[in-house]
C-alpha atoms as a PDB file:
ATOM      1  CA  MET A   1      26.165 -85.803 100.601  1.00  0.00           C
ATOM      2  CA  PRO A   2      24.471 -86.208 103.837  1.00  0.00           C
ATOM      3  CA  ARG A   3      23.438 -82.220 105.341  1.00  0.00           C
ATOM      4  CA  LEU A   4      26.152 -82.326 108.534  1.00  0.00           C
ATOM      5  CA  PRO A   5      23.502 -81.315 111.357  1.00  0.00           C
ATOM      6  CA  PHE A   6      26.035 -79.412 113.655  1.00  0.00           C
ATOM      7  CA  THR A   7      29.360 -78.414 112.472  1.00  0.00           C
ATOM      8  CA  PHE A   8      32.817 -75.841 113.637  1.00  0.00           C
ATOM      9  CA  ARG A   9      32.427 -72.821 111.537  1.00  0.00           C
ATOM     10  CA  THR A  10      35.542 -70.198 110.980  1.00  0.00           C
ATOM     11  CA  PRO A  11      33.619 -66.829 111.574  1.00  0.00           C
ATOM     12  CA  PRO A  12      35.017 -63.797 110.270  1.00  0.00           C
ATOM     13  CA  ARG A  13      38.303 -62.735 112.258  1.00  0.00           C
ATOM     14  CA  ARG A  14      39.549 -59.182 113.408  1.00  0.00           C
ATOM     15  CA  VAL A  15      43.079 -58.609 113.126  1.00  0.00           C
ATOM     16  CA  THR A  16      44.717 -59.367 117.021  1.00  0.00           C
ATOM     17  CA  LEU A  17      47.557 -58.592 118.639  1.00  0.00           C
ATOM     18  CA  ALA A  18      49.434 -61.488 117.790  1.00  0.00           C
ATOM     19  CA  ALA A  19      48.320 -61.386 114.257  1.00  0.00           C
ATOM     20  CA  LEU A  20      49.805 -57.918 113.704  1.00  0.00           C
ATOM     21  CA  ALA A  21      52.590 -59.099 115.326  1.00  0.00           C
ATOM     22  CA  LEU A  22      53.092 -61.566 113.058  1.00  0.00           C
ATOM     23  CA  VAL A  23      52.608 -59.353 110.080  1.00  0.00           C
ATOM     24  CA  ALA A  24      55.166 -56.912 111.426  1.00  0.00           C
ATOM     25  CA  LEU A  25      57.648 -59.218 112.146  1.00  0.00           C
ATOM     26  CA  LEU A  26      57.603 -60.611 108.772  1.00  0.00           C
ATOM     27  CA  ALA A  27      57.273 -57.080 106.964  1.00  0.00           C
ATOM     28  CA  VAL A  28      54.698 -58.532 104.886  1.00  0.00           C
ATOM     29  CA  THR A  29      53.710 -55.527 102.173  1.00  0.00           C
ATOM     30  CA  THR A  30      51.154 -57.399 100.404  1.00  0.00           C
ATOM     31  CA  VAL A  31      47.290 -57.205 100.921  1.00  0.00           C
ATOM     32  CA  ILE A  32      45.907 -59.140 104.235  1.00  0.00           C
ATOM     33  CA  ALA A  33      42.398 -60.927 104.569  1.00  0.00           C
ATOM     34  CA  LEU A  34      40.920 -61.502 107.496  1.00  0.00           C
ATOM     35  CA  THR A  35      39.653 -64.823 107.276  1.00  0.00           C
ATOM     36  CA  THR A  36      41.647 -68.104 105.572  1.00  0.00           C
ATOM     37  CA  GLY A  37      40.757 -68.149 102.172  1.00  0.00           C
ATOM     38  CA  PRO A  38      42.026 -70.493  99.286  1.00  0.00           C
ATOM     39  CA  ARG A  39      44.936 -71.976  99.060  1.00  0.00           C
ATOM     40  CA  ASP A  40      48.084 -70.109  97.890  1.00  0.00           C
ATOM     41  CA  ASP A  41      49.745 -71.681  94.713  1.00  0.00           C
ATOM     42  CA  PRO A  42      51.199 -75.274  96.363  1.00  0.00           C
ATOM     43  CA  ARG A  43      53.875 -75.244  94.177  1.00  0.00           C
ATOM     44  CA  ASP A  44      57.304 -74.689  95.662  1.00  0.00           C
ATOM     45  CA  PRO A  45      60.263 -75.431  93.745  1.00  0.00           C
ATOM     46  CA  ASN A  46      64.091 -75.287  94.962  1.00  0.00           C
ATOM     47  CA  ASP A  47      63.263 -76.364  98.663  1.00  0.00           C
ATOM     48  CA  ALA A  48      64.711 -79.298 100.137  1.00  0.00           C
ATOM     49  CA  SER A  49      64.048 -80.672 103.717  1.00  0.00           C
ATOM     50  CA  THR A  50      65.682 -79.070 106.630  1.00  0.00           C
ATOM     51  CA  SER A  51      64.907 -78.121 110.521  1.00  0.00           C
ATOM     52  CA  GLY A  52      62.212 -75.668 111.119  1.00  0.00           C
ATOM     53  CA  HIS A  53      64.848 -73.228 113.026  1.00  0.00           C
ATOM     54  CA  SER A  54      66.429 -72.459 109.595  1.00  0.00           C
ATOM     55  CA  SER A  55      66.249 -68.780 108.446  1.00  0.00           C
ATOM     56  CA  ALA A  56      64.795 -69.687 105.277  1.00  0.00           C
ATOM     57  CA  PRO A  57      61.852 -71.961 105.716  1.00  0.00           C
ATOM     58  CA  THR A  58      61.177 -75.011 103.393  1.00  0.00           C
ATOM     59  CA  SER A  59      58.564 -76.884 102.185  1.00  0.00           C
ATOM     60  CA  GLY A  60      59.734 -80.177 103.264  1.00  0.00           C
ATOM     61  CA  SER A  61      59.133 -81.557 107.000  1.00  0.00           C
ATOM     62  CA  SER A  62      61.416 -83.209 108.973  1.00  0.00           C
ATOM     63  CA  ASP A  63      60.632 -87.117 110.396  1.00  0.00           C
ATOM     64  CA  GLN A  64      58.680 -85.357 113.185  1.00  0.00           C
ATOM     65  CA  GLU A  65      56.165 -85.424 110.837  1.00  0.00           C
ATOM     66  CA  PRO A  66      52.801 -86.769 112.946  1.00  0.00           C
ATOM     67  CA  PRO A  67      50.010 -89.480 111.783  1.00  0.00           C
ATOM     68  CA  ALA A  68      47.696 -87.657 108.992  1.00  0.00           C
ATOM     69  CA  GLU A  69      44.743 -88.753 110.752  1.00  0.00           C
ATOM     70  CA  ALA A  70      43.394 -88.085 114.498  1.00  0.00           C
ATOM     71  CA  SER A  71      40.282 -88.520 116.248  1.00  0.00           C
ATOM     72  CA  THR A  72      40.012 -86.382 119.357  1.00  0.00           C
ATOM     73  CA  ALA A  73      41.818 -83.487 120.970  1.00  0.00           C
ATOM     74  CA  SER A  74      45.111 -84.279 123.312  1.00  0.00           C
ATOM     75  CA  GLY A  75      47.882 -82.560 124.475  1.00  0.00           C
ATOM     76  CA  PRO A  76      50.731 -81.090 122.129  1.00  0.00           C
ATOM     77  CA  PRO A  77      52.998 -83.078 120.941  1.00  0.00           C
ATOM     78  CA  HIS A  78      57.388 -82.914 121.499  1.00  0.00           C
ATOM     79  CA  ILE A  79      57.849 -81.411 117.752  1.00  0.00           C
ATOM     80  CA  SER A  80      60.459 -78.928 117.212  1.00  0.00           C
ATOM     81  CA  ASP A  81      59.466 -78.543 113.206  1.00  0.00           C
ATOM     82  CA  PRO A  82      56.883 -75.669 112.481  1.00  0.00           C
ATOM     83  CA  LEU A  83      55.417 -77.884 109.665  1.00  0.00           C
ATOM     84  CA  ALA A  84      55.029 -80.975 111.871  1.00  0.00           C
ATOM     85  CA  PHE A  85      53.442 -79.279 114.553  1.00  0.00           C
ATOM     86  CA  ALA A  86      51.282 -77.443 112.058  1.00  0.00           C
ATOM     87  CA  ARG A  87      49.913 -80.382 110.844  1.00  0.00           C
ATOM     88  CA  ALA A  88      49.435 -81.971 114.206  1.00  0.00           C
ATOM     89  CA  ALA A  89      47.651 -78.539 115.631  1.00  0.00           C
ATOM     90  CA  ALA A  90      44.866 -78.352 112.724  1.00  0.00           C
ATOM     91  CA  LEU A  91      44.093 -82.228 113.389  1.00  0.00           C
ATOM     92  CA  MET A  92      43.456 -81.330 116.826  1.00  0.00           C
ATOM     93  CA  LEU A  93      41.268 -78.405 115.966  1.00  0.00           C
ATOM     94  CA  TRP A  94      39.331 -80.314 113.359  1.00  0.00           C
ATOM     95  CA  SER A  95      38.725 -83.460 115.572  1.00  0.00           C
ATOM     96  CA  TYR A  96      36.403 -83.822 118.780  1.00  0.00           C
ATOM     97  CA  ASP A  97      34.135 -86.878 120.017  1.00  0.00           C
ATOM     98  CA  THR A  98      31.101 -85.539 121.916  1.00  0.00           C
ATOM     99  CA  ARG A  99      30.459 -88.921 123.359  1.00  0.00           C
ATOM    100  CA  ASN A 100      33.144 -88.981 125.400  1.00  0.00           C
ATOM    101  CA  THR A 101      34.740 -85.337 125.926  1.00  0.00           C
ATOM    102  CA  SER A 102      33.047 -82.040 127.418  1.00  0.00           C
ATOM    103  CA  GLN A 103      33.144 -78.977 125.931  1.00  0.00           C
ATOM    104  CA  GLN A 104      35.166 -77.487 128.796  1.00  0.00           C
ATOM    105  CA  GLN A 105      37.546 -80.578 128.164  1.00  0.00           C
ATOM    106  CA  GLN A 106      37.912 -80.087 124.583  1.00  0.00           C
ATOM    107  CA  LEU A 107      38.963 -76.004 125.399  1.00  0.00           C
ATOM    108  CA  ALA A 108      41.421 -77.350 128.334  1.00  0.00           C
ATOM    109  CA  ALA A 109      43.010 -79.835 125.325  1.00  0.00           C
ATOM    110  CA  MET A 110      43.373 -77.026 122.556  1.00  0.00           C
ATOM    111  CA  ARG A 111      44.313 -74.271 125.415  1.00  0.00           C
ATOM    112  CA  SER A 112      47.395 -76.826 126.444  1.00  0.00           C
ATOM    113  CA  TRP A 113      48.727 -76.272 122.665  1.00  0.00           C
ATOM    114  CA  MET A 114      49.256 -72.480 123.111  1.00  0.00           C
ATOM    115  CA  SER A 115      52.392 -70.487 123.363  1.00  0.00           C
ATOM    116  CA  ASP A 116      52.867 -69.232 127.249  1.00  0.00           C
ATOM    117  CA  GLU A 117      54.209 -65.803 125.474  1.00  0.00           C
ATOM    118  CA  ASP A 118      51.179 -63.794 126.388  1.00  0.00           C
ATOM    119  CA  LYS A 119      52.783 -61.134 123.867  1.00  0.00           C
ATOM    120  CA  TYR A 120      51.869 -62.897 120.817  1.00  0.00           C
ATOM    121  CA  ALA A 121      49.500 -65.954 122.235  1.00  0.00           C
ATOM    122  CA  ASP A 122      46.060 -65.252 120.606  1.00  0.00           C
ATOM    123  CA  TRP A 123      43.711 -67.530 122.682  1.00  0.00           C
ATOM    124  CA  PRO A 124      40.343 -65.833 121.344  1.00  0.00           C
ATOM    125  CA  SER A 125      41.421 -67.045 117.953  1.00  0.00           C
ATOM    126  CA  ILE A 126      41.451 -70.482 118.981  1.00  0.00           C
ATOM    127  CA  SER A 127      38.650 -70.859 121.246  1.00  0.00           C
ATOM    128  CA  GLY A 128      36.435 -69.140 119.011  1.00  0.00           C
ATOM    129  CA  GLN A 129      36.398 -72.119 116.864  1.00  0.00           C
ATOM    130  CA  MET A 130      34.940 -73.712 119.599  1.00  0.00           C
ATOM    131  CA  PRO A 131      31.096 -73.889 119.869  1.00  0.00           C
ATOM    132  CA  THR A 132      29.173 -72.745 122.602  1.00  0.00           C
ATOM    133  CA  PRO A 133      28.257 -74.968 125.490  1.00  0.00           C
ATOM    134  CA  ALA A 134      24.931 -75.117 124.417  1.00  0.00           C
ATOM    135  CA  LEU A 135      25.426 -76.158 121.145  1.00  0.00           C
ATOM    136  CA  TRP A 136      27.730 -78.788 121.919  1.00  0.00           C
ATOM    137  CA  ALA A 137      25.337 -80.768 124.604  1.00  0.00           C
ATOM    138  CA  ARG A 138      22.910 -80.397 121.328  1.00  0.00           C
ATOM    139  CA  MET A 139      26.127 -82.059 119.300  1.00  0.00           C
ATOM    140  CA  SER A 140      26.432 -84.609 122.057  1.00  0.00           C
ATOM    141  CA  ASP A 141      22.971 -85.502 121.929  1.00  0.00           C
ATOM    142  CA  GLN A 142      23.530 -86.644 118.407  1.00  0.00           C
ATOM    143  CA  ASP A 143      26.654 -88.837 119.218  1.00  0.00           C
ATOM    144  CA  GLN A 144      28.616 -86.154 116.998  1.00  0.00           C
ATOM    145  CA  ARG A 145      32.059 -86.617 116.416  1.00  0.00           C
ATOM    146  CA  ALA A 146      34.863 -85.923 113.627  1.00  0.00           C
ATOM    147  CA  THR A 147      38.059 -87.039 112.438  1.00  0.00           C
ATOM    148  CA  ALA A 148      40.569 -85.395 110.485  1.00  0.00           C
ATOM    149  CA  GLU A 149      43.020 -85.952 108.040  1.00  0.00           C
ATOM    150  CA  VAL A 150      45.772 -83.221 106.688  1.00  0.00           C
ATOM    151  CA  THR A 151      47.066 -83.537 102.836  1.00  0.00           C
ATOM    152  CA  GLU A 152      49.693 -80.913 103.209  1.00  0.00           C
ATOM    153  CA  ALA A 153      50.964 -78.661 105.243  1.00  0.00           C
ATOM    154  CA  ARG A 154      53.365 -75.643 103.676  1.00  0.00           C
ATOM    155  CA  TYR A 155      54.766 -72.168 104.024  1.00  0.00           C
ATOM    156  CA  PRO A 156      52.938 -69.241 102.513  1.00  0.00           C
ATOM    157  CA  SER A 157      54.741 -67.747  99.567  1.00  0.00           C
ATOM    158  CA  ALA A 158      54.368 -64.308 100.995  1.00  0.00           C
ATOM    159  CA  PHE A 159      55.958 -65.605 104.389  1.00  0.00           C
ATOM    160  CA  LYS A 160      59.122 -66.944 102.585  1.00  0.00           C
ATOM    161  CA  GLN A 161      59.224 -64.052 100.397  1.00  0.00           C
ATOM    162  CA  ALA A 162      59.255 -61.907 103.350  1.00  0.00           C
ATOM    163  CA  LEU A 163      62.229 -64.147 105.163  1.00  0.00           C
ATOM    164  CA  ALA A 164      64.411 -64.291 102.158  1.00  0.00           C
ATOM    165  CA  GLU A 165      64.404 -60.264 102.061  1.00  0.00           C
ATOM    166  CA  ASP A 166      64.915 -60.084 105.825  1.00  0.00           C
ATOM    167  CA  PRO A 167      66.150 -63.866 107.408  1.00  0.00           C
ATOM    168  CA  SER A 168      67.327 -62.367 110.400  1.00  0.00           C
ATOM    169  CA  ALA A 169      62.878 -61.440 110.849  1.00  0.00           C
ATOM    170  CA  ILE A 170      62.236 -64.619 112.323  1.00  0.00           C
ATOM    171  CA  THR A 171      64.536 -64.425 115.326  1.00  0.00           C
ATOM    172  CA  GLU A 172      62.716 -61.926 117.138  1.00  0.00           C
ATOM    173  CA  ALA A 173      59.934 -64.565 118.326  1.00  0.00           C
ATOM    174  CA  TYR A 174      60.254 -67.389 115.895  1.00  0.00           C
ATOM    175  CA  ILE A 175      56.598 -67.813 114.699  1.00  0.00           C
ATOM    176  CA  TYR A 176      55.838 -69.464 111.519  1.00  0.00           C
ATOM    177  CA  ALA A 177      53.008 -68.970 109.201  1.00  0.00           C
ATOM    178  CA  VAL A 178      51.761 -72.671 107.656  1.00  0.00           C
ATOM    179  CA  THR A 179      48.858 -73.147 105.631  1.00  0.00           C
ATOM    180  CA  VAL A 180      47.602 -76.447 106.276  1.00  0.00           C
ATOM    181  CA  THR A 181      44.874 -78.151 104.420  1.00  0.00           C
ATOM    182  CA  GLY A 182      42.864 -81.582 104.441  1.00  0.00           C
ATOM    183  CA  LYS A 183      39.570 -83.209 105.077  1.00  0.00           C
ATOM    184  CA  GLN A 184      37.102 -83.228 108.309  1.00  0.00           C
ATOM    185  CA  THR A 185      34.418 -86.343 108.453  1.00  0.00           C
ATOM    186  CA  ILE A 186      31.741 -85.656 110.471  1.00  0.00           C
ATOM    187  CA  THR A 187      29.599 -88.814 112.093  1.00  0.00           C
ATOM    188  CA  TRP A 188      26.408 -88.779 114.327  1.00  0.00           C
ATOM    189  CA  ALA A 189      23.792 -90.836 115.561  1.00  0.00           C
ATOM    190  CA  SER A 190      21.779 -93.355 113.183  1.00  0.00           C
ATOM    191  CA  GLY A 191      24.639 -93.826 111.083  1.00  0.00           C
ATOM    192  CA  GLY A 192      25.038 -90.286 109.509  1.00  0.00           C
ATOM    193  CA  GLN A 193      28.383 -88.913 108.217  1.00  0.00           C
ATOM    194  CA  GLY A 194      29.074 -86.161 105.720  1.00  0.00           C
ATOM    195  CA  ALA A 195      32.762 -84.886 104.791  1.00  0.00           C
ATOM    196  CA  GLU A 196      34.238 -81.570 104.176  1.00  0.00           C
ATOM    197  CA  ALA A 197      37.353 -79.951 102.925  1.00  0.00           C
ATOM    198  CA  ARG A 198      39.178 -77.872 105.515  1.00  0.00           C
ATOM    199  CA  SER A 199      42.055 -74.909 105.545  1.00  0.00           C
ATOM    200  CA  VAL A 200      43.174 -72.765 107.935  1.00  0.00           C
ATOM    201  CA  THR A 201      46.598 -70.765 108.013  1.00  0.00           C
ATOM    202  CA  LEU A 202      48.264 -71.071 111.798  1.00  0.00           C
ATOM    203  CA  ALA A 203      50.978 -68.978 113.395  1.00  0.00           C
ATOM    204  CA  VAL A 204      53.437 -71.236 115.473  1.00  0.00           C
ATOM    205  CA  GLN A 205      56.283 -70.404 117.749  1.00  0.00           C
ATOM    206  CA  CYS A 206      59.247 -72.471 117.243  1.00  0.00           C
ATOM    207  CA  ARG A 207      62.238 -71.335 119.313  1.00  0.00           C
ATOM    208  CA  PRO A 208      65.513 -72.985 119.017  1.00  0.00           C
ATOM    209  CA  SER A 209      65.750 -75.889 120.974  1.00  0.00           C
ATOM    210  CA  GLN A 210      62.301 -75.757 122.570  1.00  0.00           C
ATOM    211  CA  ASP A 211      58.825 -77.707 121.130  1.00  0.00           C
ATOM    212  CA  CYS A 212      56.581 -75.625 118.929  1.00  0.00           C
ATOM    213  CA  SER A 213      53.456 -74.409 120.499  1.00  0.00           C
ATOM    214  CA  LEU A 214      50.568 -72.706 118.627  1.00  0.00           C
ATOM    215  CA  VAL A 215      49.913 -68.752 118.462  1.00  0.00           C
ATOM    216  CA  ALA A 216      46.933 -68.010 116.675  1.00  0.00           C
ATOM    217  CA  ILE A 217      44.981 -68.717 113.609  1.00  0.00           C
ATOM    218  CA  ALA A 218      46.531 -66.343 111.405  1.00  0.00           C
ATOM    219  CA  PRO A 219      45.372 -64.114 108.671  1.00  0.00           C
ATOM    220  CA  ARG A 220      45.961 -65.202 105.060  1.00  0.00           C
ATOM    221  CA  VAL A 221      48.512 -63.371 103.391  1.00  0.00           C
ATOM    222  CA  ALA A 222      47.619 -63.123  99.588  1.00  0.00           C
ATOM    223  CA  GLN A 223      49.961 -63.194  97.251  1.00  0.00           C
END
């Protein structure tokens, strides 16, 4: 596989206020890693599609599910289902085009997806995914762009277990943990191309009768 000249990397993350709030909300007693690690067990028996605002979330997604591919960052969709929104947010985070988008424009597009509740929103965990202006300029010199596709979006088992133990816990902030997996394909000048698998656990906020918004890249909750 050709070597990718510049890629978005996910650096180690400290536990932020938003992540701590999420962990406290879920009352999770399992070990928490500081980075998004390997996928949890994808099996999710006995689940059926429901609204994202039910007290016991399921693995199915509603008819609000966005397309499986995206090429550039844009404004957030009008989605009230946590799984569908997390899919769209992951596509946004994994997609860019330095040929027609500046680093500041990309950042502004990402910022528009964020929750406006400062108590929970962890913008540094999202903006930290962006290359520096200098690196973006180098990527632009190579006409670098990336498209993405999502293969799965699901609630981690620890999240579902915590809600099963205390269904009312979600009603304080309506923050859902969703693990999204997929693939990012990067293309650059002179026909260069490469691809890599991607996985991220997102914290998304979906209050009743409101569109979902992005809260943070969450710590992984281990089984």
